[in-house]
Amino acid sequence: LAALGAGNASLACAFTGRQLPVVCGSAVLVTERIRETTLH
């Protein structure tokens, strides 16, 4: 994932970096988690 806008995204080739536009109305991002440590 290179960019995400309102109604579109840009994907980059994992090998060359060349970007390709994608039409999408919304996105679900499944990447990393952040620990909930505020209470601790």
PDB file of all heavy atoms in Angstrom:
ATOM      1  N   LEU A   1       0.843  -1.192   0.000  1.00  0.00           N
ATOM      2  CA  LEU A   1       0.000   0.000   0.000  1.00  0.00           C
ATOM      3  C   LEU A   1       0.885   1.250   0.000  1.00  0.00           C
ATOM      4  O   LEU A   1       1.678   1.474   0.914  1.00  0.00           O
ATOM      5  CB  LEU A   1      -0.906   0.002   1.231  1.00  0.00           C
ATOM      6  CG  LEU A   1      -1.877   1.188   1.347  1.00  0.00           C
ATOM      7  CD1 LEU A   1      -2.873   1.186   0.195  1.00  0.00           C
ATOM      8  CD2 LEU A   1      -2.605   1.142   2.689  1.00  0.00           C
ATOM      9  N   ALA A   2       0.732   2.073  -1.058  1.00  0.00           N
ATOM     10  CA  ALA A   2       1.512   3.307  -1.164  1.00  0.00           C
ATOM     11  C   ALA A   2       0.705   4.523  -0.755  1.00  0.00           C
ATOM     12  O   ALA A   2       1.231   5.443  -0.118  1.00  0.00           O
ATOM     13  CB  ALA A   2       2.020   3.478  -2.597  1.00  0.00           C
ATOM     14  N   ALA A   3      -0.587   4.541  -1.129  1.00  0.00           N
ATOM     15  CA  ALA A   3      -1.414   5.703  -0.810  1.00  0.00           C
ATOM     16  C   ALA A   3      -2.872   5.283  -0.754  1.00  0.00           C
ATOM     17  O   ALA A   3      -3.282   4.295  -1.365  1.00  0.00           O
ATOM     18  CB  ALA A   3      -1.225   6.800  -1.861  1.00  0.00           C
ATOM     19  N   LEU A   4      -3.625   6.068   0.018  1.00  0.00           N
ATOM     20  CA  LEU A   4      -5.057   5.800   0.154  1.00  0.00           C
ATOM     21  C   LEU A   4      -5.782   7.130   0.202  1.00  0.00           C
ATOM     22  O   LEU A   4      -5.464   7.996   1.021  1.00  0.00           O
ATOM     23  CB  LEU A   4      -5.321   4.997   1.426  1.00  0.00           C
ATOM     24  CG  LEU A   4      -6.733   4.476   1.658  1.00  0.00           C
ATOM     25  CD1 LEU A   4      -7.142   3.507   0.558  1.00  0.00           C
ATOM     26  CD2 LEU A   4      -6.818   3.770   3.018  1.00  0.00           C
ATOM     27  N   GLY A   5      -6.744   7.283  -0.711  1.00  0.00           N
ATOM     28  CA  GLY A   5      -7.483   8.524  -0.758  1.00  0.00           C
ATOM     29  C   GLY A   5      -8.972   8.290  -0.665  1.00  0.00           C
ATOM     30  O   GLY A   5      -9.420   7.192  -0.303  1.00  0.00           O
ATOM     31  N   ALA A   6      -9.757   9.293  -0.998  1.00  0.00           N
ATOM     32  CA  ALA A   6     -11.210   9.187  -0.981  1.00  0.00           C
ATOM     33  C   ALA A   6     -11.661   8.572  -2.299  1.00  0.00           C
ATOM     34  O   ALA A   6     -11.703   9.252  -3.326  1.00  0.00           O
ATOM     35  CB  ALA A   6     -11.829  10.565  -0.785  1.00  0.00           C
ATOM     36  N   GLY A   7     -11.929   7.281  -2.276  1.00  0.00           N
ATOM     37  CA  GLY A   7     -12.393   6.584  -3.472  1.00  0.00           C
ATOM     38  C   GLY A   7     -11.312   5.936  -4.292  1.00  0.00           C
ATOM     39  O   GLY A   7     -11.600   5.385  -5.362  1.00  0.00           O
ATOM     40  N   ASN A   8     -10.072   5.954  -3.824  1.00  0.00           N
ATOM     41  CA  ASN A   8      -8.993   5.327  -4.599  1.00  0.00           C
ATOM     42  C   ASN A   8      -7.826   4.985  -3.694  1.00  0.00           C
ATOM     43  O   ASN A   8      -7.725   5.457  -2.552  1.00  0.00           O
ATOM     44  CB  ASN A   8      -8.524   6.269  -5.710  1.00  0.00           C
ATOM     45  CG  ASN A   8      -7.989   7.574  -5.161  1.00  0.00           C
ATOM     46  OD1 ASN A   8      -6.851   7.658  -4.707  1.00  0.00           O
ATOM     47  ND2 ASN A   8      -8.825   8.613  -5.184  1.00  0.00           N
ATOM     48  N   ALA A   9      -6.957   4.146  -4.228  1.00  0.00           N
ATOM     49  CA  ALA A   9      -5.729   3.772  -3.533  1.00  0.00           C
ATOM     50  C   ALA A   9      -4.647   3.584  -4.573  1.00  0.00           C
ATOM     51  O   ALA A   9      -4.926   3.485  -5.779  1.00  0.00           O
ATOM     52  CB  ALA A   9      -5.924   2.495  -2.721  1.00  0.00           C
ATOM     53  N   SER A  10      -3.420   3.531  -4.118  1.00  0.00           N
ATOM     54  CA  SER A  10      -2.290   3.265  -4.993  1.00  0.00           C
ATOM     55  C   SER A  10      -1.486   2.123  -4.394  1.00  0.00           C
ATOM     56  O   SER A  10      -1.068   2.190  -3.229  1.00  0.00           O
ATOM     57  CB  SER A  10      -1.412   4.511  -5.143  1.00  0.00           C
ATOM     58  OG  SER A  10      -0.334   4.259  -6.029  1.00  0.00           O
ATOM     59  N   LEU A  11      -1.325   1.066  -5.178  1.00  0.00           N
ATOM     60  CA  LEU A  11      -0.527  -0.081  -4.757  1.00  0.00           C
ATOM     61  C   LEU A  11       0.810  -0.046  -5.471  1.00  0.00           C
ATOM     62  O   LEU A  11       0.886   0.292  -6.658  1.00  0.00           O
ATOM     63  CB  LEU A  11      -1.254  -1.392  -5.072  1.00  0.00           C
ATOM     64  CG  LEU A  11      -2.619  -1.591  -4.410  1.00  0.00           C
ATOM     65  CD1 LEU A  11      -3.257  -2.892  -4.893  1.00  0.00           C
ATOM     66  CD2 LEU A  11      -2.496  -1.596  -2.898  1.00  0.00           C
ATOM     67  N   ALA A  12       1.869  -0.420  -4.749  1.00  0.00           N
ATOM     68  CA  ALA A  12       3.210  -0.420  -5.322  1.00  0.00           C
ATOM     69  C   ALA A  12       3.731  -1.842  -5.425  1.00  0.00           C
ATOM     70  O   ALA A  12       3.592  -2.625  -4.481  1.00  0.00           O
ATOM     71  CB  ALA A  12       4.150   0.430  -4.469  1.00  0.00           C
ATOM     72  N   CYS A  13       4.320  -2.172  -6.564  1.00  0.00           N
ATOM     73  CA  CYS A  13       4.914  -3.495  -6.732  1.00  0.00           C
ATOM     74  C   CYS A  13       5.965  -3.721  -5.649  1.00  0.00           C
ATOM     75  O   CYS A  13       6.842  -2.873  -5.418  1.00  0.00           O
ATOM     76  CB  CYS A  13       5.547  -3.608  -8.117  1.00  0.00           C
ATOM     77  SG  CYS A  13       6.473  -5.145  -8.374  1.00  0.00           S
ATOM     78  N   ALA A  14       5.892  -4.846  -4.979  1.00  0.00           N
ATOM     79  CA  ALA A  14       6.814  -5.141  -3.882  1.00  0.00           C
ATOM     80  C   ALA A  14       8.248  -5.293  -4.364  1.00  0.00           C
ATOM     81  O   ALA A  14       9.188  -5.215  -3.566  1.00  0.00           O
ATOM     82  CB  ALA A  14       6.370  -6.408  -3.156  1.00  0.00           C
ATOM     83  N   PHE A  15       8.449  -5.476  -5.680  1.00  0.00           N
ATOM     84  CA  PHE A  15       9.789  -5.687  -6.212  1.00  0.00           C
ATOM     85  C   PHE A  15      10.348  -4.443  -6.907  1.00  0.00           C
ATOM     86  O   PHE A  15      11.514  -4.100  -6.734  1.00  0.00           O
ATOM     87  CB  PHE A  15       9.771  -6.866  -7.193  1.00  0.00           C
ATOM     88  CG  PHE A  15       9.303  -8.150  -6.580  1.00  0.00           C
ATOM     89  CD1 PHE A  15       8.032  -8.632  -6.842  1.00  0.00           C
ATOM     90  CD2 PHE A  15      10.109  -8.872  -5.719  1.00  0.00           C
ATOM     91  CE1 PHE A  15       7.583  -9.811  -6.277  1.00  0.00           C
ATOM     92  CE2 PHE A  15       9.680 -10.052  -5.140  1.00  0.00           C
ATOM     93  CZ  PHE A  15       8.408 -10.524  -5.415  1.00  0.00           C
ATOM     94  N   THR A  16       9.511  -3.771  -7.688  1.00  0.00           N
ATOM     95  CA  THR A  16       9.999  -2.634  -8.472  1.00  0.00           C
ATOM     96  C   THR A  16       9.572  -1.291  -7.929  1.00  0.00           C
ATOM     97  O   THR A  16      10.143  -0.264  -8.287  1.00  0.00           O
ATOM     98  CB  THR A  16       9.493  -2.740  -9.923  1.00  0.00           C
ATOM     99  OG1 THR A  16       8.062  -2.575  -9.945  1.00  0.00           O
ATOM    100  CG2 THR A  16       9.859  -4.098 -10.523  1.00  0.00           C
ATOM    101  N   GLY A  17       8.531  -1.285  -7.102  1.00  0.00           N
ATOM    102  CA  GLY A  17       8.013  -0.018  -6.595  1.00  0.00           C
ATOM    103  C   GLY A  17       7.074   0.685  -7.545  1.00  0.00           C
ATOM    104  O   GLY A  17       6.524   1.739  -7.199  1.00  0.00           O
ATOM    105  N   ARG A  18       6.878   0.161  -8.747  1.00  0.00           N
ATOM    106  CA  ARG A  18       5.972   0.799  -9.694  1.00  0.00           C
ATOM    107  C   ARG A  18       4.553   0.791  -9.150  1.00  0.00           C
ATOM    108  O   ARG A  18       4.080  -0.239  -8.656  1.00  0.00           O
ATOM    109  CB  ARG A  18       6.024   0.102 -11.051  1.00  0.00           C
ATOM    110  CG  ARG A  18       7.294   0.382 -11.831  1.00  0.00           C
ATOM    111  CD  ARG A  18       7.134   0.002 -13.296  1.00  0.00           C
ATOM    112  NE  ARG A  18       7.058  -1.444 -13.440  1.00  0.00           N
ATOM    113  CZ  ARG A  18       8.099  -2.242 -13.681  1.00  0.00           C
ATOM    114  NH1 ARG A  18       9.313  -1.708 -13.789  1.00  0.00           N
ATOM    115  NH2 ARG A  18       7.938  -3.539 -13.818  1.00  0.00           N
ATOM    116  N   GLN A  19       3.867   1.914  -9.257  1.00  0.00           N
ATOM    117  CA  GLN A  19       2.558   2.059  -8.632  1.00  0.00           C
ATOM    118  C   GLN A  19       1.435   1.826  -9.629  1.00  0.00           C
ATOM    119  O   GLN A  19       1.561   2.091 -10.825  1.00  0.00           O
ATOM    120  CB  GLN A  19       2.421   3.441  -7.990  1.00  0.00           C
ATOM    121  CG  GLN A  19       3.383   3.643  -6.818  1.00  0.00           C
ATOM    122  CD  GLN A  19       3.065   4.875  -6.006  1.00  0.00           C
ATOM    123  OE1 GLN A  19       1.987   5.456  -6.108  1.00  0.00           O
ATOM    124  NE2 GLN A  19       4.015   5.273  -5.147  1.00  0.00           N
ATOM    125  N   LEU A  20       0.323   1.340  -9.081  1.00  0.00           N
ATOM    126  CA  LEU A  20      -0.857   1.035  -9.881  1.00  0.00           C
ATOM    127  C   LEU A  20      -2.075   1.573  -9.144  1.00  0.00           C
ATOM    128  O   LEU A  20      -2.279   1.256  -7.970  1.00  0.00           O
ATOM    129  CB  LEU A  20      -0.987  -0.486 -10.066  1.00  0.00           C
ATOM    130  CG  LEU A  20      -2.201  -0.976 -10.856  1.00  0.00           C
ATOM    131  CD1 LEU A  20      -2.033  -0.635 -12.336  1.00  0.00           C
ATOM    132  CD2 LEU A  20      -2.360  -2.493 -10.683  1.00  0.00           C
ATOM    133  N   PRO A  21      -2.906   2.377  -9.806  1.00  0.00           N
ATOM    134  CA  PRO A  21      -4.094   2.914  -9.125  1.00  0.00           C
ATOM    135  C   PRO A  21      -5.177   1.850  -8.969  1.00  0.00           C
ATOM    136  O   PRO A  21      -5.328   0.965  -9.808  1.00  0.00           O
ATOM    137  CB  PRO A  21      -4.554   4.039 -10.059  1.00  0.00           C
ATOM    138  CG  PRO A  21      -4.056   3.636 -11.413  1.00  0.00           C
ATOM    139  CD  PRO A  21      -2.756   2.911 -11.169  1.00  0.00           C
ATOM    140  N   VAL A  22      -5.928   1.946  -7.879  1.00  0.00           N
ATOM    141  CA  VAL A  22      -7.021   1.024  -7.589  1.00  0.00           C
ATOM    142  C   VAL A  22      -8.226   1.836  -7.138  1.00  0.00           C
ATOM    143  O   VAL A  22      -8.096   2.722  -6.279  1.00  0.00           O
ATOM    144  CB  VAL A  22      -6.634   0.013  -6.482  1.00  0.00           C
ATOM    145  CG1 VAL A  22      -7.830  -0.861  -6.115  1.00  0.00           C
ATOM    146  CG2 VAL A  22      -5.471  -0.847  -6.926  1.00  0.00           C
ATOM    147  N   VAL A  23      -9.378   1.548  -7.703  1.00  0.00           N
ATOM    148  CA  VAL A  23     -10.600   2.212  -7.278  1.00  0.00           C
ATOM    149  C   VAL A  23     -11.176   1.484  -6.071  1.00  0.00           C
ATOM    150  O   VAL A  23     -11.424   0.271  -6.119  1.00  0.00           O
ATOM    151  CB  VAL A  23     -11.639   2.237  -8.420  1.00  0.00           C
ATOM    152  CG1 VAL A  23     -12.954   2.845  -7.936  1.00  0.00           C
ATOM    153  CG2 VAL A  23     -11.101   3.018  -9.613  1.00  0.00           C
ATOM    154  N   CYS A  24     -11.356   2.188  -4.971  1.00  0.00           N
ATOM    155  CA  CYS A  24     -11.950   1.577  -3.771  1.00  0.00           C
ATOM    156  C   CYS A  24     -12.647   2.660  -2.955  1.00  0.00           C
ATOM    157  O   CYS A  24     -12.118   3.766  -2.786  1.00  0.00           O
ATOM    158  CB  CYS A  24     -10.907   0.855  -2.922  1.00  0.00           C
ATOM    159  SG  CYS A  24      -9.604   1.911  -2.270  1.00  0.00           S
ATOM    160  N   GLY A  25     -13.821   2.336  -2.459  1.00  0.00           N
ATOM    161  CA  GLY A  25     -14.573   3.291  -1.670  1.00  0.00           C
ATOM    162  C   GLY A  25     -14.149   3.327  -0.219  1.00  0.00           C
ATOM    163  O   GLY A  25     -14.346   4.328   0.476  1.00  0.00           O
ATOM    164  N   SER A  26     -13.574   2.226   0.258  1.00  0.00           N
ATOM    165  CA  SER A  26     -13.131   2.132   1.649  1.00  0.00           C
ATOM    166  C   SER A  26     -12.043   1.075   1.731  1.00  0.00           C
ATOM    167  O   SER A  26     -11.821   0.312   0.789  1.00  0.00           O
ATOM    168  CB  SER A  26     -14.302   1.788   2.576  1.00  0.00           C
ATOM    169  OG  SER A  26     -14.962   0.620   2.122  1.00  0.00           O
ATOM    170  N   ALA A  27     -11.381   1.043   2.857  1.00  0.00           N
ATOM    171  CA  ALA A  27     -10.276   0.098   3.035  1.00  0.00           C
ATOM    172  C   ALA A  27     -10.281  -0.458   4.450  1.00  0.00           C
ATOM    173  O   ALA A  27     -10.606   0.250   5.410  1.00  0.00           O
ATOM    174  CB  ALA A  27      -8.939   0.773   2.744  1.00  0.00           C
ATOM    175  N   VAL A  28      -9.920  -1.741   4.550  1.00  0.00           N
ATOM    176  CA  VAL A  28      -9.696  -2.382   5.849  1.00  0.00           C
ATOM    177  C   VAL A  28      -8.201  -2.674   5.934  1.00  0.00           C
ATOM    178  O   VAL A  28      -7.667  -3.442   5.117  1.00  0.00           O
ATOM    179  CB  VAL A  28     -10.506  -3.681   5.998  1.00  0.00           C
ATOM    180  CG1 VAL A  28     -10.237  -4.314   7.373  1.00  0.00           C
ATOM    181  CG2 VAL A  28     -11.994  -3.417   5.816  1.00  0.00           C
ATOM    182  N   LEU A  29      -7.529  -2.062   6.879  1.00  0.00           N
ATOM    183  CA  LEU A  29      -6.076  -2.181   7.001  1.00  0.00           C
ATOM    184  C   LEU A  29      -5.723  -3.186   8.097  1.00  0.00           C
ATOM    185  O   LEU A  29      -6.049  -2.985   9.268  1.00  0.00           O
ATOM    186  CB  LEU A  29      -5.460  -0.820   7.314  1.00  0.00           C
ATOM    187  CG  LEU A  29      -5.797   0.301   6.311  1.00  0.00           C
ATOM    188  CD1 LEU A  29      -5.058   1.583   6.683  1.00  0.00           C
ATOM    189  CD2 LEU A  29      -5.464  -0.123   4.884  1.00  0.00           C
ATOM    190  N   VAL A  30      -5.065  -4.265   7.695  1.00  0.00           N
ATOM    191  CA  VAL A  30      -4.668  -5.332   8.623  1.00  0.00           C
ATOM    192  C   VAL A  30      -3.143  -5.362   8.611  1.00  0.00           C
ATOM    193  O   VAL A  30      -2.525  -6.053   7.802  1.00  0.00           O
ATOM    194  CB  VAL A  30      -5.258  -6.691   8.206  1.00  0.00           C
ATOM    195  CG1 VAL A  30      -5.027  -7.730   9.302  1.00  0.00           C
ATOM    196  CG2 VAL A  30      -6.748  -6.565   7.889  1.00  0.00           C
ATOM    197  N   THR A  31      -2.541  -4.590   9.502  1.00  0.00           N
ATOM    198  CA  THR A  31      -1.088  -4.423   9.454  1.00  0.00           C
ATOM    199  C   THR A  31      -0.429  -4.818  10.774  1.00  0.00           C
ATOM    200  O   THR A  31       0.036  -5.928  10.933  1.00  0.00           O
ATOM    201  CB  THR A  31      -0.734  -2.977   9.075  1.00  0.00           C
ATOM    202  OG1 THR A  31      -1.333  -2.072  10.019  1.00  0.00           O
ATOM    203  CG2 THR A  31      -1.238  -2.646   7.675  1.00  0.00           C
ATOM    204  N   GLU A  32      -0.435  -3.899  11.732  1.00  0.00           N
ATOM    205  CA  GLU A  32       0.192  -4.163  13.026  1.00  0.00           C
ATOM    206  C   GLU A  32      -0.752  -3.771  14.152  1.00  0.00           C
ATOM    207  O   GLU A  32      -1.730  -3.062  13.929  1.00  0.00           O
ATOM    208  CB  GLU A  32       1.497  -3.365  13.181  1.00  0.00           C
ATOM    209  CG  GLU A  32       2.611  -3.813  12.284  1.00  0.00           C
ATOM    210  CD  GLU A  32       3.891  -3.025  12.506  1.00  0.00           C
ATOM    211  OE1 GLU A  32       3.848  -1.966  13.196  1.00  0.00           O
ATOM    212  OE2 GLU A  32       4.922  -3.444  11.984  1.00  0.00           O
ATOM    213  N   ARG A  33      -0.407  -4.236  15.364  1.00  0.00           N
ATOM    214  CA  ARG A  33      -1.182  -3.875  16.543  1.00  0.00           C
ATOM    215  C   ARG A  33      -0.345  -3.052  17.519  1.00  0.00           C
ATOM    216  O   ARG A  33       0.886  -3.211  17.574  1.00  0.00           O
ATOM    217  CB  ARG A  33      -1.710  -5.128  17.240  1.00  0.00           C
ATOM    218  CG  ARG A  33      -2.892  -5.759  16.527  1.00  0.00           C
ATOM    219  CD  ARG A  33      -3.336  -7.043  17.188  1.00  0.00           C
ATOM    220  NE  ARG A  33      -2.425  -8.134  16.877  1.00  0.00           N
ATOM    221  CZ  ARG A  33      -2.454  -9.322  17.478  1.00  0.00           C
ATOM    222  NH1 ARG A  33      -3.325  -9.540  18.455  1.00  0.00           N
ATOM    223  NH2 ARG A  33      -1.623 -10.265  17.122  1.00  0.00           N
ATOM    224  N   ILE A  34      -1.025  -2.217  18.261  1.00  0.00           N
ATOM    225  CA  ILE A  34      -0.388  -1.380  19.279  1.00  0.00           C
ATOM    226  C   ILE A  34      -0.912  -1.811  20.646  1.00  0.00           C
ATOM    227  O   ILE A  34      -2.117  -1.928  20.860  1.00  0.00           O
ATOM    228  CB  ILE A  34      -0.696   0.109  19.049  1.00  0.00           C
ATOM    229  CG1 ILE A  34      -0.129   0.550  17.701  1.00  0.00           C
ATOM    230  CG2 ILE A  34      -0.120   0.962  20.182  1.00  0.00           C
ATOM    231  CD1 ILE A  34      -0.501   1.963  17.317  1.00  0.00           C
ATOM    232  N   ARG A  35      -0.011  -2.060  21.559  1.00  0.00           N
ATOM    233  CA  ARG A  35      -0.392  -2.555  22.884  1.00  0.00           C
ATOM    234  C   ARG A  35      -1.179  -1.513  23.667  1.00  0.00           C
ATOM    235  O   ARG A  35      -0.873  -0.317  23.614  1.00  0.00           O
ATOM    236  CB  ARG A  35       0.855  -2.953  23.671  1.00  0.00           C
ATOM    237  CG  ARG A  35       1.635  -4.088  23.034  1.00  0.00           C
ATOM    238  CD  ARG A  35       2.851  -4.474  23.867  1.00  0.00           C
ATOM    239  NE  ARG A  35       3.782  -3.373  24.014  1.00  0.00           N
ATOM    240  CZ  ARG A  35       4.358  -3.006  25.162  1.00  0.00           C
ATOM    241  NH1 ARG A  35       4.084  -3.649  26.286  1.00  0.00           N
ATOM    242  NH2 ARG A  35       5.203  -2.001  25.204  1.00  0.00           N
ATOM    243  N   GLU A  36      -2.176  -1.966  24.396  1.00  0.00           N
ATOM    244  CA  GLU A  36      -2.967  -1.101  25.277  1.00  0.00           C
ATOM    245  C   GLU A  36      -2.314  -1.091  26.660  1.00  0.00           C
ATOM    246  O   GLU A  36      -2.558  -1.963  27.492  1.00  0.00           O
ATOM    247  CB  GLU A  36      -4.406  -1.616  25.378  1.00  0.00           C
ATOM    248  CG  GLU A  36      -5.168  -1.598  24.064  1.00  0.00           C
ATOM    249  CD  GLU A  36      -5.696  -0.214  23.723  1.00  0.00           C
ATOM    250  OE1 GLU A  36      -5.358   0.748  24.440  1.00  0.00           O
ATOM    251  OE2 GLU A  36      -6.435  -0.099  22.737  1.00  0.00           O
ATOM    252  N   THR A  37      -1.450  -0.108  26.902  1.00  0.00           N
ATOM    253  CA  THR A  37      -0.666  -0.079  28.151  1.00  0.00           C
ATOM    254  C   THR A  37      -0.938   1.150  29.011  1.00  0.00           C
ATOM    255  O   THR A  37      -0.251   1.368  30.010  1.00  0.00           O
ATOM    256  CB  THR A  37       0.839  -0.142  27.829  1.00  0.00           C
ATOM    257  OG1 THR A  37       1.184   0.991  27.004  1.00  0.00           O
ATOM    258  CG2 THR A  37       1.184  -1.421  27.082  1.00  0.00           C
ATOM    259  N   THR A  38      -1.930   1.945  28.621  1.00  0.00           N
ATOM    260  CA  THR A  38      -2.202   3.178  29.380  1.00  0.00           C
ATOM    261  C   THR A  38      -2.539   2.887  30.835  1.00  0.00           C
ATOM    262  O   THR A  38      -2.015   3.526  31.764  1.00  0.00           O
ATOM    263  CB  THR A  38      -3.353   3.962  28.723  1.00  0.00           C
ATOM    264  OG1 THR A  38      -3.008   4.247  27.363  1.00  0.00           O
ATOM    265  CG2 THR A  38      -3.608   5.260  29.471  1.00  0.00           C
ATOM    266  N   LEU A  39      -3.414   1.917  31.061  1.00  0.00           N
ATOM    267  CA  LEU A  39      -3.792   1.579  32.440  1.00  0.00           C
ATOM    268  C   LEU A  39      -2.591   1.065  33.210  1.00  0.00           C
ATOM    269  O   LEU A  39      -2.369   1.452  34.368  1.00  0.00           O
ATOM    270  CB  LEU A  39      -4.913   0.537  32.433  1.00  0.00           C
ATOM    271  CG  LEU A  39      -5.326   0.015  33.819  1.00  0.00           C
ATOM    272  CD1 LEU A  39      -5.861   1.152  34.687  1.00  0.00           C
ATOM    273  CD2 LEU A  39      -6.359  -1.101  33.696  1.00  0.00           C
ATOM    274  N   HIS A  40      -1.808   0.208  32.581  1.00  0.00           N
ATOM    275  CA  HIS A  40      -0.620  -0.335  33.249  1.00  0.00           C
ATOM    276  C   HIS A  40       0.308   0.790  33.689  1.00  0.00           C
ATOM    277  O   HIS A  40       0.814   0.792  34.829  1.00  0.00           O
ATOM    278  CB  HIS A  40       0.095  -1.302  32.305  1.00  0.00           C
ATOM    279  CG  HIS A  40       1.347  -1.895  32.865  1.00  0.00           C
ATOM    280  ND1 HIS A  40       2.595  -1.364  32.623  1.00  0.00           N
ATOM    281  CD2 HIS A  40       1.544  -2.973  33.671  1.00  0.00           C
ATOM    282  CE1 HIS A  40       3.513  -2.098  33.242  1.00  0.00           C
ATOM    283  NE2 HIS A  40       2.905  -3.077  33.890  1.00  0.00           N
TER     284      HIS A  40
END
